[in-house]
Amino acid sequence: MCCSRPNWPGHLVSAHGRPPKTAEPIRGRLGWGATTAAIAKDFSQGSITNSTSPSDLAIQGDGVFVLEGPQGDVYAQNGNFSLNSNSLLVNPDGLRVQGFGVDQDFKIITT
């Protein structure tokens, strides 16, 4: 979702572990694959653009949107949201945005 990108190492691996230093893939056989060395977190603010959708949101500065995923909370920086058939604010994958509502005076409703 958000906030991370893969960091690819400079070496290759095979299905059975690291290849020897002189190993070359053989055409027509199982070749060497790549693996990630780490996942780098990136919480920096992206660009904020205008939208014609009233349900699209943006966070200026630090922060993420918290979504309800099938295995727990999911964090996203993409504020492309819409209302589903139950009038719940969801992302394009249908994950519900978490948070508190506000009343007509814009006071947070916590109950």
PDB file of N, CA and C in Angstrom:
ATOM      1  N   MET A   1       0.819  -1.177   0.000  1.00  0.00           N
ATOM      2  CA  MET A   1       0.000   0.000   0.000  1.00  0.00           C
ATOM      3  C   MET A   1       0.866   1.244   0.000  1.00  0.00           C
ATOM      4  N   CYS A   2       1.340   1.675   1.180  1.00  0.00           N
ATOM      5  CA  CYS A   2       2.078   2.905   1.193  1.00  0.00           C
ATOM      6  C   CYS A   2       3.369   2.749   1.926  1.00  0.00           C
ATOM      7  N   CYS A   3       4.081   3.787   1.810  1.00  0.00           N
ATOM      8  CA  CYS A   3       5.148   4.049   2.754  1.00  0.00           C
ATOM      9  C   CYS A   3       6.343   3.123   2.669  1.00  0.00           C
ATOM     10  N   SER A   4       6.485   2.314   1.670  1.00  0.00           N
ATOM     11  CA  SER A   4       7.653   1.454   1.590  1.00  0.00           C
ATOM     12  C   SER A   4       7.992   1.145   0.147  1.00  0.00           C
ATOM     13  N   ARG A   5       9.249   0.824  -0.079  1.00  0.00           N
ATOM     14  CA  ARG A   5       9.692   0.444  -1.409  1.00  0.00           C
ATOM     15  C   ARG A   5      10.766  -0.615  -1.249  1.00  0.00           C
ATOM     16  N   PRO A   6      10.871  -1.533  -2.178  1.00  0.00           N
ATOM     17  CA  PRO A   6      11.879  -2.582  -2.055  1.00  0.00           C
ATOM     18  C   PRO A   6      13.273  -2.039  -2.339  1.00  0.00           C
ATOM     19  N   ASN A   7      14.254  -2.613  -1.672  1.00  0.00           N
ATOM     20  CA  ASN A   7      15.657  -2.297  -1.904  1.00  0.00           C
ATOM     21  C   ASN A   7      16.296  -3.554  -2.455  1.00  0.00           C
ATOM     22  N   TRP A   8      16.599  -3.575  -3.756  1.00  0.00           N
ATOM     23  CA  TRP A   8      17.106  -4.773  -4.414  1.00  0.00           C
ATOM     24  C   TRP A   8      18.607  -4.903  -4.192  1.00  0.00           C
ATOM     25  N   PRO A   9      19.078  -6.083  -3.798  1.00  0.00           N
ATOM     26  CA  PRO A   9      20.514  -6.273  -3.609  1.00  0.00           C
ATOM     27  C   PRO A   9      21.214  -6.422  -4.953  1.00  0.00           C
ATOM     28  N   GLY A  10      22.533  -6.327  -4.923  1.00  0.00           N
ATOM     29  CA  GLY A  10      23.301  -6.420  -6.157  1.00  0.00           C
ATOM     30  C   GLY A  10      23.616  -7.841  -6.573  1.00  0.00           C
ATOM     31  N   HIS A  11      23.114  -8.845  -5.877  1.00  0.00           N
ATOM     32  CA  HIS A  11      23.423 -10.226  -6.240  1.00  0.00           C
ATOM     33  C   HIS A  11      22.162 -10.981  -6.663  1.00  0.00           C
ATOM     34  N   LEU A  12      22.349 -12.125  -7.248  1.00  0.00           N
ATOM     35  CA  LEU A  12      21.237 -12.967  -7.690  1.00  0.00           C
ATOM     36  C   LEU A  12      21.193 -14.224  -6.836  1.00  0.00           C
ATOM     37  N   VAL A  13      20.018 -14.842  -6.779  1.00  0.00           N
ATOM     38  CA  VAL A  13      19.877 -16.092  -6.036  1.00  0.00           C
ATOM     39  C   VAL A  13      19.176 -17.115  -6.904  1.00  0.00           C
ATOM     40  N   SER A  14      19.322 -18.370  -6.545  1.00  0.00           N
ATOM     41  CA  SER A  14      18.612 -19.436  -7.249  1.00  0.00           C
ATOM     42  C   SER A  14      17.513 -19.962  -6.345  1.00  0.00           C
ATOM     43  N   ALA A  15      16.758 -20.894  -6.846  1.00  0.00           N
ATOM     44  CA  ALA A  15      15.706 -21.498  -6.043  1.00  0.00           C
ATOM     45  C   ALA A  15      16.295 -22.299  -4.891  1.00  0.00           C
ATOM     46  N   HIS A  16      17.563 -22.646  -4.951  1.00  0.00           N
ATOM     47  CA  HIS A  16      18.201 -23.477  -3.929  1.00  0.00           C
ATOM     48  C   HIS A  16      19.237 -22.709  -3.126  1.00  0.00           C
ATOM     49  N   GLY A  17      19.227 -21.403  -3.150  1.00  0.00           N
ATOM     50  CA  GLY A  17      20.185 -20.617  -2.396  1.00  0.00           C
ATOM     51  C   GLY A  17      21.012 -19.740  -3.312  1.00  0.00           C
ATOM     52  N   ARG A  18      22.045 -19.178  -2.780  1.00  0.00           N
ATOM     53  CA  ARG A  18      22.909 -18.278  -3.551  1.00  0.00           C
ATOM     54  C   ARG A  18      23.719 -19.069  -4.575  1.00  0.00           C
ATOM     55  N   PRO A  19      23.856 -18.515  -5.789  1.00  0.00           N
ATOM     56  CA  PRO A  19      24.635 -19.200  -6.816  1.00  0.00           C
ATOM     57  C   PRO A  19      26.129 -19.039  -6.550  1.00  0.00           C
ATOM     58  N   PRO A  20      26.927 -19.947  -7.057  1.00  0.00           N
ATOM     59  CA  PRO A  20      28.366 -19.760  -6.951  1.00  0.00           C
ATOM     60  C   PRO A  20      28.778 -18.519  -7.737  1.00  0.00           C
ATOM     61  N   LYS A  21      29.915 -17.918  -7.405  1.00  0.00           N
ATOM     62  CA  LYS A  21      30.350 -16.668  -8.046  1.00  0.00           C
ATOM     63  C   LYS A  21      30.495 -16.809  -9.551  1.00  0.00           C
ATOM     64  N   THR A  22      30.782 -17.995 -10.048  1.00  0.00           N
ATOM     65  CA  THR A  22      30.980 -18.185 -11.484  1.00  0.00           C
ATOM     66  C   THR A  22      29.738 -18.690 -12.193  1.00  0.00           C
ATOM     67  N   ALA A  23      28.630 -18.844 -11.470  1.00  0.00           N
ATOM     68  CA  ALA A  23      27.428 -19.429 -12.074  1.00  0.00           C
ATOM     69  C   ALA A  23      26.816 -18.495 -13.100  1.00  0.00           C
ATOM     70  N   GLU A  24      26.389 -19.043 -14.192  1.00  0.00           N
ATOM     71  CA  GLU A  24      25.681 -18.313 -15.242  1.00  0.00           C
ATOM     72  C   GLU A  24      24.361 -19.023 -15.488  1.00  0.00           C
ATOM     73  N   PRO A  25      23.250 -18.285 -15.670  1.00  0.00           N
ATOM     74  CA  PRO A  25      21.996 -18.951 -16.025  1.00  0.00           C
ATOM     75  C   PRO A  25      22.148 -19.682 -17.356  1.00  0.00           C
ATOM     76  N   ILE A  26      21.509 -20.825 -17.463  1.00  0.00           N
ATOM     77  CA  ILE A  26      21.562 -21.606 -18.696  1.00  0.00           C
ATOM     78  C   ILE A  26      20.234 -21.438 -19.413  1.00  0.00           C
ATOM     79  N   ARG A  27      20.276 -21.046 -20.685  1.00  0.00           N
ATOM     80  CA  ARG A  27      19.070 -20.818 -21.458  1.00  0.00           C
ATOM     81  C   ARG A  27      18.216 -22.085 -21.470  1.00  0.00           C
ATOM     82  N   GLY A  28      16.926 -21.916 -21.230  1.00  0.00           N
ATOM     83  CA  GLY A  28      16.003 -23.041 -21.265  1.00  0.00           C
ATOM     84  C   GLY A  28      15.868 -23.761 -19.931  1.00  0.00           C
ATOM     85  N   ARG A  29      16.632 -23.380 -18.938  1.00  0.00           N
ATOM     86  CA  ARG A  29      16.547 -23.985 -17.608  1.00  0.00           C
ATOM     87  C   ARG A  29      16.118 -22.916 -16.606  1.00  0.00           C
ATOM     88  N   LEU A  30      15.813 -23.379 -15.413  1.00  0.00           N
ATOM     89  CA  LEU A  30      15.432 -22.459 -14.350  1.00  0.00           C
ATOM     90  C   LEU A  30      16.562 -21.466 -14.128  1.00  0.00           C
ATOM     91  N   GLY A  31      16.281 -20.196 -14.309  1.00  0.00           N
ATOM     92  CA  GLY A  31      17.315 -19.169 -14.164  1.00  0.00           C
ATOM     93  C   GLY A  31      17.433 -18.691 -12.735  1.00  0.00           C
ATOM     94  N   TRP A  32      18.336 -17.784 -12.547  1.00  0.00           N
ATOM     95  CA  TRP A  32      18.523 -17.182 -11.229  1.00  0.00           C
ATOM     96  C   TRP A  32      17.467 -16.105 -11.050  1.00  0.00           C
ATOM     97  N   GLY A  33      16.997 -15.934  -9.845  1.00  0.00           N
ATOM     98  CA  GLY A  33      15.985 -14.918  -9.563  1.00  0.00           C
ATOM     99  C   GLY A  33      16.571 -13.804  -8.730  1.00  0.00           C
ATOM    100  N   ALA A  34      15.757 -12.852  -8.392  1.00  0.00           N
ATOM    101  CA  ALA A  34      16.192 -11.737  -7.551  1.00  0.00           C
ATOM    102  C   ALA A  34      15.475 -11.818  -6.214  1.00  0.00           C
ATOM    103  N   THR A  35      16.035 -11.199  -5.212  1.00  0.00           N
ATOM    104  CA  THR A  35      15.427 -11.157  -3.895  1.00  0.00           C
ATOM    105  C   THR A  35      15.555  -9.741  -3.346  1.00  0.00           C
ATOM    106  N   THR A  36      14.682  -9.358  -2.432  1.00  0.00           N
ATOM    107  CA  THR A  36      14.800  -8.049  -1.812  1.00  0.00           C
ATOM    108  C   THR A  36      15.753  -8.131  -0.630  1.00  0.00           C
ATOM    109  N   ALA A  37      16.551  -7.096  -0.445  1.00  0.00           N
ATOM    110  CA  ALA A  37      17.472  -7.031   0.684  1.00  0.00           C
ATOM    111  C   ALA A  37      16.785  -6.380   1.878  1.00  0.00           C
ATOM    112  N   ALA A  38      15.850  -5.466   1.607  1.00  0.00           N
ATOM    113  CA  ALA A  38      15.159  -4.750   2.682  1.00  0.00           C
ATOM    114  C   ALA A  38      13.976  -3.993   2.094  1.00  0.00           C
ATOM    115  N   ILE A  39      13.109  -3.555   2.958  1.00  0.00           N
ATOM    116  CA  ILE A  39      12.013  -2.670   2.573  1.00  0.00           C
ATOM    117  C   ILE A  39      12.271  -1.336   3.268  1.00  0.00           C
ATOM    118  N   ALA A  40      12.444  -0.280   2.485  1.00  0.00           N
ATOM    119  CA  ALA A  40      12.731   1.045   3.032  1.00  0.00           C
ATOM    120  C   ALA A  40      11.426   1.791   3.266  1.00  0.00           C
ATOM    121  N   LYS A  41      11.238   2.330   4.456  1.00  0.00           N
ATOM    122  CA  LYS A  41      10.044   3.098   4.794  1.00  0.00           C
ATOM    123  C   LYS A  41      10.189   4.524   4.290  1.00  0.00           C
ATOM    124  N   ASP A  42       9.128   5.053   3.699  1.00  0.00           N
ATOM    125  CA  ASP A  42       9.139   6.421   3.194  1.00  0.00           C
ATOM    126  C   ASP A  42       7.840   7.096   3.601  1.00  0.00           C
ATOM    127  N   PHE A  43       7.891   7.929   4.627  1.00  0.00           N
ATOM    128  CA  PHE A  43       6.710   8.631   5.107  1.00  0.00           C
ATOM    129  C   PHE A  43       6.704  10.093   4.690  1.00  0.00           C
ATOM    130  N   SER A  44       7.550  10.461   3.728  1.00  0.00           N
ATOM    131  CA  SER A  44       7.584  11.849   3.297  1.00  0.00           C
ATOM    132  C   SER A  44       6.309  12.204   2.533  1.00  0.00           C
ATOM    133  N   GLN A  45       5.954  13.480   2.599  1.00  0.00           N
ATOM    134  CA  GLN A  45       4.732  13.931   1.940  1.00  0.00           C
ATOM    135  C   GLN A  45       4.889  13.889   0.433  1.00  0.00           C
ATOM    136  N   GLY A  46       3.882  13.389  -0.230  1.00  0.00           N
ATOM    137  CA  GLY A  46       3.845  13.416  -1.685  1.00  0.00           C
ATOM    138  C   GLY A  46       3.221  14.716  -2.161  1.00  0.00           C
ATOM    139  N   SER A  47       3.018  14.823  -3.452  1.00  0.00           N
ATOM    140  CA  SER A  47       2.410  16.039  -3.993  1.00  0.00           C
ATOM    141  C   SER A  47       0.904  16.029  -3.737  1.00  0.00           C
ATOM    142  N   ILE A  48       0.359  17.199  -3.508  1.00  0.00           N
ATOM    143  CA  ILE A  48      -1.087  17.345  -3.325  1.00  0.00           C
ATOM    144  C   ILE A  48      -1.633  17.961  -4.601  1.00  0.00           C
ATOM    145  N   THR A  49      -2.628  17.290  -5.189  1.00  0.00           N
ATOM    146  CA  THR A  49      -3.216  17.761  -6.438  1.00  0.00           C
ATOM    147  C   THR A  49      -4.711  17.984  -6.260  1.00  0.00           C
ATOM    148  N   ASN A  50      -5.276  18.803  -7.115  1.00  0.00           N
ATOM    149  CA  ASN A  50      -6.716  19.049  -7.085  1.00  0.00           C
ATOM    150  C   ASN A  50      -7.462  17.825  -7.592  1.00  0.00           C
ATOM    151  N   SER A  51      -8.674  17.631  -7.064  1.00  0.00           N
ATOM    152  CA  SER A  51      -9.518  16.512  -7.464  1.00  0.00           C
ATOM    153  C   SER A  51     -10.944  17.008  -7.653  1.00  0.00           C
ATOM    154  N   THR A  52     -11.681  16.356  -8.527  1.00  0.00           N
ATOM    155  CA  THR A  52     -13.093  16.700  -8.705  1.00  0.00           C
ATOM    156  C   THR A  52     -13.994  15.829  -7.832  1.00  0.00           C
ATOM    157  N   SER A  53     -13.411  14.877  -7.106  1.00  0.00           N
ATOM    158  CA  SER A  53     -14.193  13.994  -6.244  1.00  0.00           C
ATOM    159  C   SER A  53     -14.248  14.550  -4.825  1.00  0.00           C
ATOM    160  N   PRO A  54     -15.444  14.771  -4.285  1.00  0.00           N
ATOM    161  CA  PRO A  54     -15.546  15.319  -2.928  1.00  0.00           C
ATOM    162  C   PRO A  54     -15.067  14.348  -1.847  1.00  0.00           C
ATOM    163  N   SER A  55     -14.872  13.081  -2.186  1.00  0.00           N
ATOM    164  CA  SER A  55     -14.427  12.109  -1.182  1.00  0.00           C
ATOM    165  C   SER A  55     -12.921  11.896  -1.184  1.00  0.00           C
ATOM    166  N   ASP A  56     -12.209  12.532  -2.112  1.00  0.00           N
ATOM    167  CA  ASP A  56     -10.748  12.425  -2.107  1.00  0.00           C
ATOM    168  C   ASP A  56     -10.190  13.310  -1.003  1.00  0.00           C
ATOM    169  N   LEU A  57      -9.163  12.806  -0.320  1.00  0.00           N
ATOM    170  CA  LEU A  57      -8.567  13.517   0.806  1.00  0.00           C
ATOM    171  C   LEU A  57      -7.058  13.594   0.642  1.00  0.00           C
ATOM    172  N   ALA A  58      -6.444  14.534   1.350  1.00  0.00           N
ATOM    173  CA  ALA A  58      -4.989  14.656   1.370  1.00  0.00           C
ATOM    174  C   ALA A  58      -4.554  14.982   2.790  1.00  0.00           C
ATOM    175  N   ILE A  59      -3.357  14.548   3.131  1.00  0.00           N
ATOM    176  CA  ILE A  59      -2.750  14.878   4.422  1.00  0.00           C
ATOM    177  C   ILE A  59      -1.566  15.769   4.128  1.00  0.00           C
ATOM    178  N   GLN A  60      -1.565  16.944   4.727  1.00  0.00           N
ATOM    179  CA  GLN A  60      -0.427  17.839   4.564  1.00  0.00           C
ATOM    180  C   GLN A  60       0.512  17.624   5.735  1.00  0.00           C
ATOM    181  N   GLY A  61       1.765  17.283   5.447  1.00  0.00           N
ATOM    182  CA  GLY A  61       2.733  16.997   6.496  1.00  0.00           C
ATOM    183  C   GLY A  61       2.763  15.504   6.816  1.00  0.00           C
ATOM    184  N   ASP A  62       3.206  15.183   8.024  1.00  0.00           N
ATOM    185  CA  ASP A  62       3.317  13.780   8.430  1.00  0.00           C
ATOM    186  C   ASP A  62       1.934  13.178   8.655  1.00  0.00           C
ATOM    187  N   GLY A  63       1.780  11.923   8.320  1.00  0.00           N
ATOM    188  CA  GLY A  63       0.531  11.235   8.597  1.00  0.00           C
ATOM    189  C   GLY A  63       0.191  10.206   7.548  1.00  0.00           C
ATOM    190  N   VAL A  64      -0.711   9.326   7.899  1.00  0.00           N
ATOM    191  CA  VAL A  64      -1.204   8.293   7.000  1.00  0.00           C
ATOM    192  C   VAL A  64      -2.689   8.083   7.264  1.00  0.00           C
ATOM    193  N   PHE A  65      -3.379   7.522   6.303  1.00  0.00           N
ATOM    194  CA  PHE A  65      -4.758   7.099   6.486  1.00  0.00           C
ATOM    195  C   PHE A  65      -4.728   5.680   7.039  1.00  0.00           C
ATOM    196  N   VAL A  66      -5.602   5.404   7.998  1.00  0.00           N
ATOM    197  CA  VAL A  66      -5.689   4.060   8.566  1.00  0.00           C
ATOM    198  C   VAL A  66      -6.921   3.393   7.969  1.00  0.00           C
ATOM    199  N   LEU A  67      -6.700   2.242   7.331  1.00  0.00           N
ATOM    200  CA  LEU A  67      -7.775   1.491   6.683  1.00  0.00           C
ATOM    201  C   LEU A  67      -7.971   0.166   7.402  1.00  0.00           C
ATOM    202  N   GLU A  68      -9.195  -0.347   7.366  1.00  0.00           N
ATOM    203  CA  GLU A  68      -9.485  -1.644   7.970  1.00  0.00           C
ATOM    204  C   GLU A  68      -9.236  -2.738   6.939  1.00  0.00           C
ATOM    205  N   GLY A  69      -8.152  -3.486   7.135  1.00  0.00           N
ATOM    206  CA  GLY A  69      -7.812  -4.580   6.231  1.00  0.00           C
ATOM    207  C   GLY A  69      -8.326  -5.901   6.760  1.00  0.00           C
ATOM    208  N   PRO A  70      -8.299  -6.960   5.954  1.00  0.00           N
ATOM    209  CA  PRO A  70      -8.802  -8.269   6.383  1.00  0.00           C
ATOM    210  C   PRO A  70      -7.997  -8.880   7.531  1.00  0.00           C
ATOM    211  N   GLN A  71      -6.740  -8.454   7.698  1.00  0.00           N
ATOM    212  CA  GLN A  71      -5.902  -8.995   8.777  1.00  0.00           C
ATOM    213  C   GLN A  71      -5.439  -7.905   9.736  1.00  0.00           C
ATOM    214  N   GLY A  72      -6.167  -6.808   9.807  1.00  0.00           N
ATOM    215  CA  GLY A  72      -5.805  -5.717  10.704  1.00  0.00           C
ATOM    216  C   GLY A  72      -5.654  -4.408   9.961  1.00  0.00           C
ATOM    217  N   ASP A  73      -5.133  -3.420  10.681  1.00  0.00           N
ATOM    218  CA  ASP A  73      -4.990  -2.084  10.105  1.00  0.00           C
ATOM    219  C   ASP A  73      -3.991  -2.066   8.956  1.00  0.00           C
ATOM    220  N   VAL A  74      -4.312  -1.259   7.949  1.00  0.00           N
ATOM    221  CA  VAL A  74      -3.462  -1.030   6.790  1.00  0.00           C
ATOM    222  C   VAL A  74      -3.253   0.478   6.714  1.00  0.00           C
ATOM    223  N   TYR A  75      -2.034   0.903   6.420  1.00  0.00           N
ATOM    224  CA  TYR A  75      -1.712   2.326   6.369  1.00  0.00           C
ATOM    225  C   TYR A  75      -1.488   2.757   4.917  1.00  0.00           C
ATOM    226  N   ALA A  76      -2.057   3.897   4.556  1.00  0.00           N
ATOM    227  CA  ALA A  76      -1.961   4.367   3.174  1.00  0.00           C
ATOM    228  C   ALA A  76      -1.773   5.875   3.150  1.00  0.00           C
ATOM    229  N   GLN A  77      -1.087   6.352   2.146  1.00  0.00           N
ATOM    230  CA  GLN A  77      -0.968   7.794   1.929  1.00  0.00           C
ATOM    231  C   GLN A  77      -1.854   8.254   0.784  1.00  0.00           C
ATOM    232  N   ASN A  78      -2.305   7.340  -0.042  1.00  0.00           N
ATOM    233  CA  ASN A  78      -3.180   7.673  -1.160  1.00  0.00           C
ATOM    234  C   ASN A  78      -4.577   7.985  -0.628  1.00  0.00           C
ATOM    235  N   GLY A  79      -5.054   9.191  -0.877  1.00  0.00           N
ATOM    236  CA  GLY A  79      -6.364   9.608  -0.387  1.00  0.00           C
ATOM    237  C   GLY A  79      -7.471   9.502  -1.420  1.00  0.00           C
ATOM    238  N   ASN A  80      -7.346   8.563  -2.356  1.00  0.00           N
ATOM    239  CA  ASN A  80      -8.364   8.352  -3.389  1.00  0.00           C
ATOM    240  C   ASN A  80      -9.469   7.479  -2.793  1.00  0.00           C
ATOM    241  N   PHE A  81     -10.534   8.096  -2.283  1.00  0.00           N
ATOM    242  CA  PHE A  81     -11.608   7.382  -1.606  1.00  0.00           C
ATOM    243  C   PHE A  81     -12.943   7.613  -2.302  1.00  0.00           C
ATOM    244  N   SER A  82     -13.896   6.743  -1.990  1.00  0.00           N
ATOM    245  CA  SER A  82     -15.266   6.900  -2.486  1.00  0.00           C
ATOM    246  C   SER A  82     -16.202   6.281  -1.456  1.00  0.00           C
ATOM    247  N   LEU A  83     -17.497   6.494  -1.634  1.00  0.00           N
ATOM    248  CA  LEU A  83     -18.498   5.882  -0.754  1.00  0.00           C
ATOM    249  C   LEU A  83     -18.961   4.574  -1.371  1.00  0.00           C
ATOM    250  N   ASN A  84     -19.023   3.519  -0.545  1.00  0.00           N
ATOM    251  CA  ASN A  84     -19.517   2.230  -1.050  1.00  0.00           C
ATOM    252  C   ASN A  84     -21.045   2.185  -0.931  1.00  0.00           C
ATOM    253  N   SER A  85     -21.635   1.046  -1.218  1.00  0.00           N
ATOM    254  CA  SER A  85     -23.105   0.918  -1.203  1.00  0.00           C
ATOM    255  C   SER A  85     -23.696   1.103   0.190  1.00  0.00           C
ATOM    256  N   ASN A  86     -22.866   1.003   1.244  1.00  0.00           N
ATOM    257  CA  ASN A  86     -23.330   1.233   2.619  1.00  0.00           C
ATOM    258  C   ASN A  86     -22.977   2.641   3.102  1.00  0.00           C
ATOM    259  N   SER A  87     -22.580   3.510   2.177  1.00  0.00           N
ATOM    260  CA  SER A  87     -22.182   4.890   2.469  1.00  0.00           C
ATOM    261  C   SER A  87     -20.969   4.976   3.386  1.00  0.00           C
ATOM    262  N   LEU A  88     -20.081   3.985   3.303  1.00  0.00           N
ATOM    263  CA  LEU A  88     -18.835   4.003   4.063  1.00  0.00           C
ATOM    264  C   LEU A  88     -17.711   4.470   3.152  1.00  0.00           C
ATOM    265  N   LEU A  89     -16.800   5.254   3.691  1.00  0.00           N
ATOM    266  CA  LEU A  89     -15.670   5.762   2.935  1.00  0.00           C
ATOM    267  C   LEU A  89     -14.646   4.643   2.771  1.00  0.00           C
ATOM    268  N   VAL A  90     -14.336   4.292   1.508  1.00  0.00           N
ATOM    269  CA  VAL A  90     -13.437   3.174   1.213  1.00  0.00           C
ATOM    270  C   VAL A  90     -12.402   3.594   0.168  1.00  0.00           C
ATOM    271  N   ASN A  91     -11.301   2.839   0.129  1.00  0.00           N
ATOM    272  CA  ASN A  91     -10.292   3.062  -0.914  1.00  0.00           C
ATOM    273  C   ASN A  91     -10.679   2.253  -2.146  1.00  0.00           C
ATOM    274  N   PRO A  92      -9.927   2.336  -3.253  1.00  0.00           N
ATOM    275  CA  PRO A  92     -10.291   1.587  -4.461  1.00  0.00           C
ATOM    276  C   PRO A  92     -10.341   0.069  -4.274  1.00  0.00           C
ATOM    277  N   ASP A  93      -9.662  -0.468  -3.238  1.00  0.00           N
ATOM    278  CA  ASP A  93      -9.707  -1.907  -2.954  1.00  0.00           C
ATOM    279  C   ASP A  93     -10.858  -2.275  -2.034  1.00  0.00           C
ATOM    280  N   GLY A  94     -11.675  -1.300  -1.622  1.00  0.00           N
ATOM    281  CA  GLY A  94     -12.816  -1.569  -0.756  1.00  0.00           C
ATOM    282  C   GLY A  94     -12.490  -1.590   0.728  1.00  0.00           C
ATOM    283  N   LEU A  95     -11.279  -1.205   1.119  1.00  0.00           N
ATOM    284  CA  LEU A  95     -10.914  -1.164   2.535  1.00  0.00           C
ATOM    285  C   LEU A  95     -11.475   0.104   3.160  1.00  0.00           C
ATOM    286  N   ARG A  96     -12.124  -0.061   4.312  1.00  0.00           N
ATOM    287  CA  ARG A  96     -12.824   1.045   4.969  1.00  0.00           C
ATOM    288  C   ARG A  96     -11.850   1.957   5.703  1.00  0.00           C
ATOM    289  N   VAL A  97     -12.046   3.263   5.522  1.00  0.00           N
ATOM    290  CA  VAL A  97     -11.235   4.260   6.210  1.00  0.00           C
ATOM    291  C   VAL A  97     -11.668   4.299   7.675  1.00  0.00           C
ATOM    292  N   GLN A  98     -10.689   4.256   8.574  1.00  0.00           N
ATOM    293  CA  GLN A  98     -10.957   4.309  10.013  1.00  0.00           C
ATOM    294  C   GLN A  98     -10.878   5.751  10.486  1.00  0.00           C
ATOM    295  N   GLY A  99     -11.514   6.048  11.594  1.00  0.00           N
ATOM    296  CA  GLY A  99     -11.436   7.390  12.163  1.00  0.00           C
ATOM    297  C   GLY A  99     -12.716   7.733  12.894  1.00  0.00           C
ATOM    298  N   PHE A 100     -12.841   8.991  13.207  1.00  0.00           N
ATOM    299  CA  PHE A 100     -14.005   9.491  13.922  1.00  0.00           C
ATOM    300  C   PHE A 100     -14.807  10.405  13.017  1.00  0.00           C
ATOM    301  N   GLY A 101     -16.098  10.441  13.226  1.00  0.00           N
ATOM    302  CA  GLY A 101     -16.966  11.365  12.515  1.00  0.00           C
ATOM    303  C   GLY A 101     -16.972  12.715  13.204  1.00  0.00           C
ATOM    304  N   VAL A 102     -17.582  13.681  12.561  1.00  0.00           N
ATOM    305  CA  VAL A 102     -17.747  15.013  13.155  1.00  0.00           C
ATOM    306  C   VAL A 102     -19.212  15.407  13.082  1.00  0.00           C
ATOM    307  N   ASP A 103     -19.628  16.240  14.033  1.00  0.00           N
ATOM    308  CA  ASP A 103     -21.010  16.722  14.006  1.00  0.00           C
ATOM    309  C   ASP A 103     -21.097  17.996  13.161  1.00  0.00           C
ATOM    310  N   GLN A 104     -22.276  18.657  13.163  1.00  0.00           N
ATOM    311  CA  GLN A 104     -22.483  19.835  12.317  1.00  0.00           C
ATOM    312  C   GLN A 104     -21.581  21.003  12.710  1.00  0.00           C
ATOM    313  N   ASP A 105     -21.036  20.985  13.923  1.00  0.00           N
ATOM    314  CA  ASP A 105     -20.109  22.036  14.373  1.00  0.00           C
ATOM    315  C   ASP A 105     -18.653  21.598  14.224  1.00  0.00           C
ATOM    316  N   PHE A 106     -18.437  20.483  13.530  1.00  0.00           N
ATOM    317  CA  PHE A 106     -17.110  19.920  13.272  1.00  0.00           C
ATOM    318  C   PHE A 106     -16.385  19.482  14.545  1.00  0.00           C
ATOM    319  N   LYS A 107     -17.178  19.074  15.543  1.00  0.00           N
ATOM    320  CA  LYS A 107     -16.598  18.509  16.764  1.00  0.00           C
ATOM    321  C   LYS A 107     -16.547  16.975  16.586  1.00  0.00           C
ATOM    322  N   ILE A 108     -15.453  16.378  17.019  1.00  0.00           N
ATOM    323  CA  ILE A 108     -15.264  14.931  16.823  1.00  0.00           C
ATOM    324  C   ILE A 108     -16.268  14.143  17.651  1.00  0.00           C
ATOM    325  N   ILE A 109     -16.891  13.162  16.996  1.00  0.00           N
ATOM    326  CA  ILE A 109     -17.827  12.243  17.656  1.00  0.00           C
ATOM    327  C   ILE A 109     -17.053  10.970  17.966  1.00  0.00           C
ATOM    328  N   THR A 110     -16.857  10.654  19.232  1.00  0.00           N
ATOM    329  CA  THR A 110     -16.051   9.487  19.621  1.00  0.00           C
ATOM    330  C   THR A 110     -16.899   8.326  20.112  1.00  0.00           C
ATOM    331  N   THR A 111     -18.204   8.454  20.106  1.00  0.00           N
ATOM    332  CA  THR A 111     -19.068   7.358  20.591  1.00  0.00           C
ATOM    333  C   THR A 111     -19.861   6.759  19.464  1.00  0.00           C
TER     334      THR A 111
END
